[in-house]
């Protein structure tokens, strides 16, 4: 079992191409013995964004702070604190912070086996 405050986990800069102003904290992962899902928290600075990309796994996302936009092929979705998002597998997506405050979200993904 693991119990910790997210602030006790180091925030690391996301250096993936197409990313700007994003940090990640791996809250729960395989390193903690989690066999099925990983929980991460992303912090996106004002003007920052994740890459526009897709992959074969789903995301479950909860907006915990700030405002931003989910960019998809079909539509842009405004997001705010308290919103929940499901991103299906193989769907292009990007999270952007188009506000003047930090945009923070919790993201759950399956652990690849």
N, C-alpha and C. Protein backbone atom coordinates (compact mmCIF):
# COMPACT_ATOMS: atom_id res chain seq x y z
N UNK A 1 0.84 -1.17 0.00
CA UNK A 1 0.00 0.00 0.00
C UNK A 1 0.89 1.24 0.00
N UNK A 2 0.38 2.30 -0.60
CA UNK A 2 1.12 3.55 -0.64
C UNK A 2 0.17 4.70 -0.31
N UNK A 3 0.61 5.57 0.58
CA UNK A 3 -0.14 6.78 0.91
C UNK A 3 0.87 7.91 0.95
N UNK A 4 0.67 8.94 0.15
CA UNK A 4 1.58 10.08 0.13
C UNK A 4 0.86 11.30 -0.40
N UNK A 5 1.40 12.45 -0.13
CA UNK A 5 0.90 13.69 -0.71
C UNK A 5 1.59 13.90 -2.05
N UNK A 6 0.86 14.38 -3.04
CA UNK A 6 1.44 14.57 -4.37
C UNK A 6 2.65 15.49 -4.35
N UNK A 7 2.70 16.42 -3.42
CA UNK A 7 3.83 17.34 -3.34
C UNK A 7 5.12 16.65 -2.92
N UNK A 8 5.01 15.45 -2.37
CA UNK A 8 6.19 14.68 -1.98
C UNK A 8 6.83 13.96 -3.17
N UNK A 9 6.18 13.99 -4.32
CA UNK A 9 6.69 13.33 -5.52
C UNK A 9 7.26 14.39 -6.45
N UNK A 10 8.47 14.14 -6.93
CA UNK A 10 9.15 15.12 -7.77
C UNK A 10 8.39 15.39 -9.07
N UNK A 11 8.24 16.67 -9.39
CA UNK A 11 7.66 17.09 -10.68
C UNK A 11 8.79 17.12 -11.69
N UNK A 12 8.64 16.35 -12.77
CA UNK A 12 9.68 16.29 -13.81
C UNK A 12 9.15 16.95 -15.08
N UNK A 13 10.03 17.70 -15.73
CA UNK A 13 9.67 18.35 -16.98
C UNK A 13 9.39 17.30 -18.06
N UNK A 14 8.29 17.48 -18.78
CA UNK A 14 7.99 16.60 -19.91
C UNK A 14 8.75 17.14 -21.11
N UNK A 15 9.64 16.32 -21.66
CA UNK A 15 10.52 16.77 -22.74
C UNK A 15 10.13 16.19 -24.10
N UNK A 16 8.96 15.59 -24.18
CA UNK A 16 8.50 15.01 -25.44
C UNK A 16 8.33 16.11 -26.49
N UNK A 17 8.74 15.86 -27.74
CA UNK A 17 8.56 16.88 -28.80
C UNK A 17 7.10 17.33 -28.90
N UNK A 18 6.90 18.61 -29.11
CA UNK A 18 5.55 19.17 -29.21
C UNK A 18 4.94 19.53 -27.87
N UNK A 19 5.77 19.52 -26.82
CA UNK A 19 5.31 19.84 -25.47
C UNK A 19 6.01 21.11 -25.00
N UNK A 20 5.25 21.94 -24.30
CA UNK A 20 5.83 23.15 -23.74
C UNK A 20 5.19 23.46 -22.40
N UNK A 21 6.03 23.71 -21.39
CA UNK A 21 5.56 24.16 -20.08
C UNK A 21 4.77 23.12 -19.30
N UNK A 22 5.16 21.83 -19.41
CA UNK A 22 4.42 20.75 -18.77
C UNK A 22 5.33 19.97 -17.83
N UNK A 23 4.84 19.70 -16.62
CA UNK A 23 5.52 18.79 -15.71
C UNK A 23 4.60 17.62 -15.38
N UNK A 24 5.22 16.52 -14.97
CA UNK A 24 4.48 15.30 -14.61
C UNK A 24 4.98 14.78 -13.28
N UNK A 25 4.06 14.27 -12.50
CA UNK A 25 4.38 13.54 -11.26
C UNK A 25 3.71 12.16 -11.40
N UNK A 26 4.51 11.11 -11.31
CA UNK A 26 3.98 9.75 -11.35
C UNK A 26 3.53 9.40 -9.94
N UNK A 27 2.24 9.56 -9.66
CA UNK A 27 1.72 9.34 -8.31
C UNK A 27 1.71 7.87 -7.93
N UNK A 28 1.22 7.03 -8.86
CA UNK A 28 1.17 5.59 -8.64
C UNK A 28 1.54 4.92 -9.95
N UNK A 29 2.44 3.92 -9.86
CA UNK A 29 2.88 3.24 -11.08
C UNK A 29 3.27 1.80 -10.73
N UNK A 30 3.82 1.12 -11.71
CA UNK A 30 4.32 -0.24 -11.49
C UNK A 30 5.37 -0.27 -10.38
N UNK A 31 6.14 0.81 -10.25
CA UNK A 31 7.17 0.87 -9.20
C UNK A 31 6.56 0.73 -7.81
N UNK A 32 5.27 1.08 -7.69
CA UNK A 32 4.57 0.98 -6.42
C UNK A 32 3.82 -0.34 -6.28
N UNK A 33 3.93 -1.20 -7.30
CA UNK A 33 3.25 -2.48 -7.27
C UNK A 33 1.88 -2.47 -7.92
N UNK A 34 1.51 -1.36 -8.57
CA UNK A 34 0.21 -1.28 -9.25
C UNK A 34 0.25 -2.15 -10.51
N UNK A 35 -0.61 -3.15 -10.61
CA UNK A 35 -0.54 -4.06 -11.75
C UNK A 35 -1.34 -3.62 -12.98
N UNK A 36 -2.29 -2.70 -12.81
CA UNK A 36 -3.21 -2.41 -13.91
C UNK A 36 -3.21 -0.96 -14.40
N UNK A 37 -3.13 -0.01 -13.50
CA UNK A 37 -3.26 1.39 -13.88
C UNK A 37 -2.16 2.24 -13.25
N UNK A 38 -1.81 3.31 -13.96
CA UNK A 38 -0.89 4.32 -13.43
C UNK A 38 -1.67 5.63 -13.27
N UNK A 39 -1.35 6.36 -12.21
CA UNK A 39 -1.96 7.66 -11.96
C UNK A 39 -0.87 8.72 -12.01
N UNK A 40 -1.13 9.73 -12.84
CA UNK A 40 -0.16 10.82 -13.00
C UNK A 40 -0.88 12.14 -12.81
N UNK A 41 -0.12 13.15 -12.43
CA UNK A 41 -0.68 14.50 -12.37
C UNK A 41 0.19 15.38 -13.26
N UNK A 42 -0.47 16.09 -14.16
CA UNK A 42 0.21 17.01 -15.07
C UNK A 42 -0.07 18.43 -14.63
N UNK A 43 0.95 19.27 -14.68
CA UNK A 43 0.80 20.69 -14.39
C UNK A 43 1.26 21.44 -15.63
N UNK A 44 0.34 22.20 -16.22
CA UNK A 44 0.61 22.91 -17.47
C UNK A 44 0.63 24.40 -17.16
N UNK A 45 1.76 25.03 -17.43
CA UNK A 45 1.92 26.47 -17.17
C UNK A 45 1.08 27.27 -18.16
N UNK A 46 0.77 28.53 -17.82
CA UNK A 46 0.05 29.38 -18.78
C UNK A 46 0.75 29.39 -20.14
N UNK A 47 -0.03 29.15 -21.19
CA UNK A 47 0.52 29.09 -22.55
C UNK A 47 1.12 27.74 -22.92
N UNK A 48 1.18 26.81 -21.96
CA UNK A 48 1.77 25.50 -22.21
C UNK A 48 0.80 24.52 -22.85
N UNK A 49 1.35 23.39 -23.32
CA UNK A 49 0.52 22.38 -23.98
C UNK A 49 1.24 21.04 -24.03
N UNK A 50 0.43 19.98 -24.09
CA UNK A 50 0.95 18.64 -24.33
C UNK A 50 1.03 18.43 -25.84
N UNK A 51 1.70 17.37 -26.30
CA UNK A 51 1.77 17.16 -27.75
C UNK A 51 0.41 16.77 -28.32
N UNK A 52 0.20 17.10 -29.58
CA UNK A 52 -1.00 16.63 -30.29
C UNK A 52 -0.64 15.24 -30.79
N UNK A 53 -1.29 14.21 -30.23
CA UNK A 53 -0.88 12.84 -30.50
C UNK A 53 -2.03 11.87 -30.28
N UNK A 54 -1.78 10.61 -30.60
CA UNK A 54 -2.70 9.53 -30.28
C UNK A 54 -1.90 8.28 -29.95
N UNK A 55 -2.56 7.33 -29.29
CA UNK A 55 -1.92 6.08 -28.91
C UNK A 55 -3.00 5.04 -28.69
N UNK A 56 -2.59 3.81 -28.47
CA UNK A 56 -3.53 2.70 -28.44
C UNK A 56 -4.22 2.49 -27.09
N UNK A 57 -3.97 3.34 -26.12
CA UNK A 57 -4.62 3.19 -24.82
C UNK A 57 -5.50 4.39 -24.51
N UNK A 58 -6.43 4.17 -23.60
CA UNK A 58 -7.36 5.22 -23.18
C UNK A 58 -6.75 6.08 -22.08
N UNK A 59 -7.38 7.23 -21.87
CA UNK A 59 -7.06 8.11 -20.73
C UNK A 59 -8.37 8.38 -19.98
N UNK A 60 -8.26 8.46 -18.67
CA UNK A 60 -9.31 9.05 -17.85
C UNK A 60 -8.65 10.24 -17.16
N UNK A 61 -9.27 11.41 -17.29
CA UNK A 61 -8.65 12.66 -16.83
C UNK A 61 -9.63 13.40 -15.93
N UNK A 62 -9.11 13.99 -14.85
CA UNK A 62 -9.91 14.84 -13.97
C UNK A 62 -9.17 16.16 -13.80
N UNK A 63 -9.85 17.26 -14.11
CA UNK A 63 -9.26 18.60 -13.99
C UNK A 63 -9.34 19.03 -12.53
N UNK A 64 -8.18 19.21 -11.91
CA UNK A 64 -8.15 19.55 -10.48
C UNK A 64 -7.89 21.02 -10.21
N UNK A 65 -7.40 21.75 -11.23
CA UNK A 65 -7.09 23.17 -11.02
C UNK A 65 -7.07 23.88 -12.38
N UNK A 66 -7.60 25.08 -12.40
CA UNK A 66 -7.46 25.95 -13.57
C UNK A 66 -8.43 25.66 -14.70
N UNK A 67 -8.05 26.20 -15.87
CA UNK A 67 -8.86 26.07 -17.09
C UNK A 67 -7.93 25.78 -18.26
N UNK A 68 -8.49 25.12 -19.27
CA UNK A 68 -7.72 24.81 -20.47
C UNK A 68 -8.63 24.33 -21.57
N UNK A 69 -8.04 23.74 -22.59
CA UNK A 69 -8.79 23.25 -23.74
C UNK A 69 -8.29 21.87 -24.13
N UNK A 70 -9.23 20.97 -24.42
CA UNK A 70 -8.91 19.68 -25.00
C UNK A 70 -9.11 19.83 -26.50
N UNK A 71 -8.04 19.67 -27.27
CA UNK A 71 -8.07 19.79 -28.72
C UNK A 71 -8.20 18.38 -29.30
N UNK A 72 -9.20 18.18 -30.18
CA UNK A 72 -9.37 16.90 -30.87
C UNK A 72 -9.55 17.18 -32.36
N UNK A 73 -9.64 16.13 -33.14
CA UNK A 73 -9.84 16.30 -34.59
C UNK A 73 -11.18 16.94 -34.91
N UNK A 74 -12.18 16.63 -34.12
CA UNK A 74 -13.54 17.08 -34.42
C UNK A 74 -13.93 18.39 -33.76
N UNK A 75 -13.40 18.65 -32.56
CA UNK A 75 -13.89 19.79 -31.78
C UNK A 75 -12.90 20.13 -30.67
N UNK A 76 -12.90 21.37 -30.24
CA UNK A 76 -12.16 21.78 -29.06
C UNK A 76 -13.14 21.87 -27.89
N UNK A 77 -12.75 21.31 -26.76
CA UNK A 77 -13.61 21.28 -25.59
C UNK A 77 -13.01 22.16 -24.50
N UNK A 78 -13.72 23.20 -24.05
CA UNK A 78 -13.22 23.99 -22.92
C UNK A 78 -13.29 23.14 -21.65
N UNK A 79 -12.26 23.24 -20.81
CA UNK A 79 -12.20 22.46 -19.57
C UNK A 79 -11.98 23.39 -18.39
N UNK A 80 -12.53 22.98 -17.24
CA UNK A 80 -12.35 23.76 -16.01
C UNK A 80 -12.30 22.81 -14.82
N UNK A 81 -11.88 23.35 -13.69
CA UNK A 81 -11.79 22.57 -12.45
C UNK A 81 -13.08 21.79 -12.23
N UNK A 82 -12.93 20.50 -11.95
CA UNK A 82 -14.08 19.64 -11.68
C UNK A 82 -14.55 18.83 -12.87
N UNK A 83 -14.07 19.15 -14.08
CA UNK A 83 -14.48 18.40 -15.28
C UNK A 83 -13.77 17.06 -15.34
N UNK A 84 -14.47 16.07 -15.91
CA UNK A 84 -13.91 14.74 -16.15
C UNK A 84 -13.91 14.48 -17.65
N UNK A 85 -12.88 13.79 -18.14
CA UNK A 85 -12.69 13.57 -19.57
C UNK A 85 -12.34 12.10 -19.81
N UNK A 86 -12.94 11.51 -20.83
CA UNK A 86 -12.52 10.19 -21.31
C UNK A 86 -11.99 10.37 -22.72
N UNK A 87 -10.73 9.99 -22.94
CA UNK A 87 -10.12 10.03 -24.27
C UNK A 87 -9.98 8.58 -24.73
N UNK A 88 -10.74 8.16 -25.75
CA UNK A 88 -10.66 6.78 -26.22
C UNK A 88 -9.32 6.48 -26.88
N UNK A 89 -8.99 5.20 -27.02
CA UNK A 89 -7.77 4.83 -27.73
C UNK A 89 -7.79 5.33 -29.17
N UNK A 90 -6.60 5.60 -29.70
CA UNK A 90 -6.41 5.97 -31.11
C UNK A 90 -7.14 7.24 -31.54
N UNK A 91 -7.37 8.15 -30.62
CA UNK A 91 -8.00 9.43 -30.94
C UNK A 91 -6.99 10.56 -30.69
N UNK A 92 -6.74 11.38 -31.72
CA UNK A 92 -5.82 12.52 -31.56
C UNK A 92 -6.34 13.46 -30.48
N UNK A 93 -5.42 13.95 -29.65
CA UNK A 93 -5.82 14.85 -28.56
C UNK A 93 -4.61 15.66 -28.09
N UNK A 94 -4.93 16.77 -27.47
CA UNK A 94 -3.92 17.66 -26.89
C UNK A 94 -4.59 18.48 -25.80
N UNK A 95 -3.87 18.71 -24.71
CA UNK A 95 -4.35 19.57 -23.64
C UNK A 95 -3.55 20.87 -23.70
N UNK A 96 -4.28 22.00 -23.73
CA UNK A 96 -3.64 23.32 -23.80
C UNK A 96 -4.10 24.18 -22.62
N UNK A 97 -3.16 24.94 -22.10
CA UNK A 97 -3.51 25.94 -21.10
C UNK A 97 -3.57 27.28 -21.80
N UNK A 98 -4.78 27.74 -22.04
CA UNK A 98 -4.97 29.04 -22.70
C UNK A 98 -5.46 30.09 -21.70
N UNK A 99 -5.07 29.91 -20.44
CA UNK A 99 -5.45 30.85 -19.39
C UNK A 99 -4.20 31.45 -18.77
N UNK A 100 -4.39 32.30 -17.79
CA UNK A 100 -3.29 32.95 -17.08
C UNK A 100 -2.96 32.26 -15.75
N UNK A 101 -3.60 31.12 -15.51
CA UNK A 101 -3.36 30.38 -14.27
C UNK A 101 -2.87 28.97 -14.60
N UNK A 102 -2.33 28.27 -13.62
CA UNK A 102 -1.90 26.89 -13.86
C UNK A 102 -3.10 26.01 -14.17
N UNK A 103 -2.87 25.03 -15.05
CA UNK A 103 -3.88 24.06 -15.47
C UNK A 103 -3.35 22.69 -15.04
N UNK A 104 -4.06 22.06 -14.10
CA UNK A 104 -3.58 20.82 -13.51
C UNK A 104 -4.63 19.73 -13.68
N UNK A 105 -4.16 18.55 -14.10
CA UNK A 105 -5.12 17.44 -14.23
C UNK A 105 -4.48 16.12 -13.84
N UNK A 106 -5.33 15.25 -13.30
CA UNK A 106 -4.96 13.89 -12.95
C UNK A 106 -5.29 13.02 -14.16
N UNK A 107 -4.38 12.14 -14.52
CA UNK A 107 -4.55 11.30 -15.71
C UNK A 107 -4.26 9.84 -15.35
N UNK A 108 -5.22 8.96 -15.62
CA UNK A 108 -5.06 7.54 -15.39
C UNK A 108 -4.88 6.83 -16.72
N UNK A 109 -3.91 5.92 -16.77
CA UNK A 109 -3.68 5.13 -17.97
C UNK A 109 -3.44 3.67 -17.58
N UNK A 110 -3.73 2.75 -18.50
CA UNK A 110 -3.40 1.35 -18.19
C UNK A 110 -1.90 1.13 -18.25
N UNK A 111 -1.44 0.22 -17.44
CA UNK A 111 -0.03 -0.15 -17.46
C UNK A 111 0.13 -1.19 -18.56
N UNK A 112 1.05 -0.93 -19.48
CA UNK A 112 1.30 -1.84 -20.60
C UNK A 112 1.97 -3.11 -20.08
N UNK A 113 1.53 -4.20 -20.60
CA UNK A 113 2.11 -5.48 -20.16
C UNK A 113 2.80 -6.15 -21.31
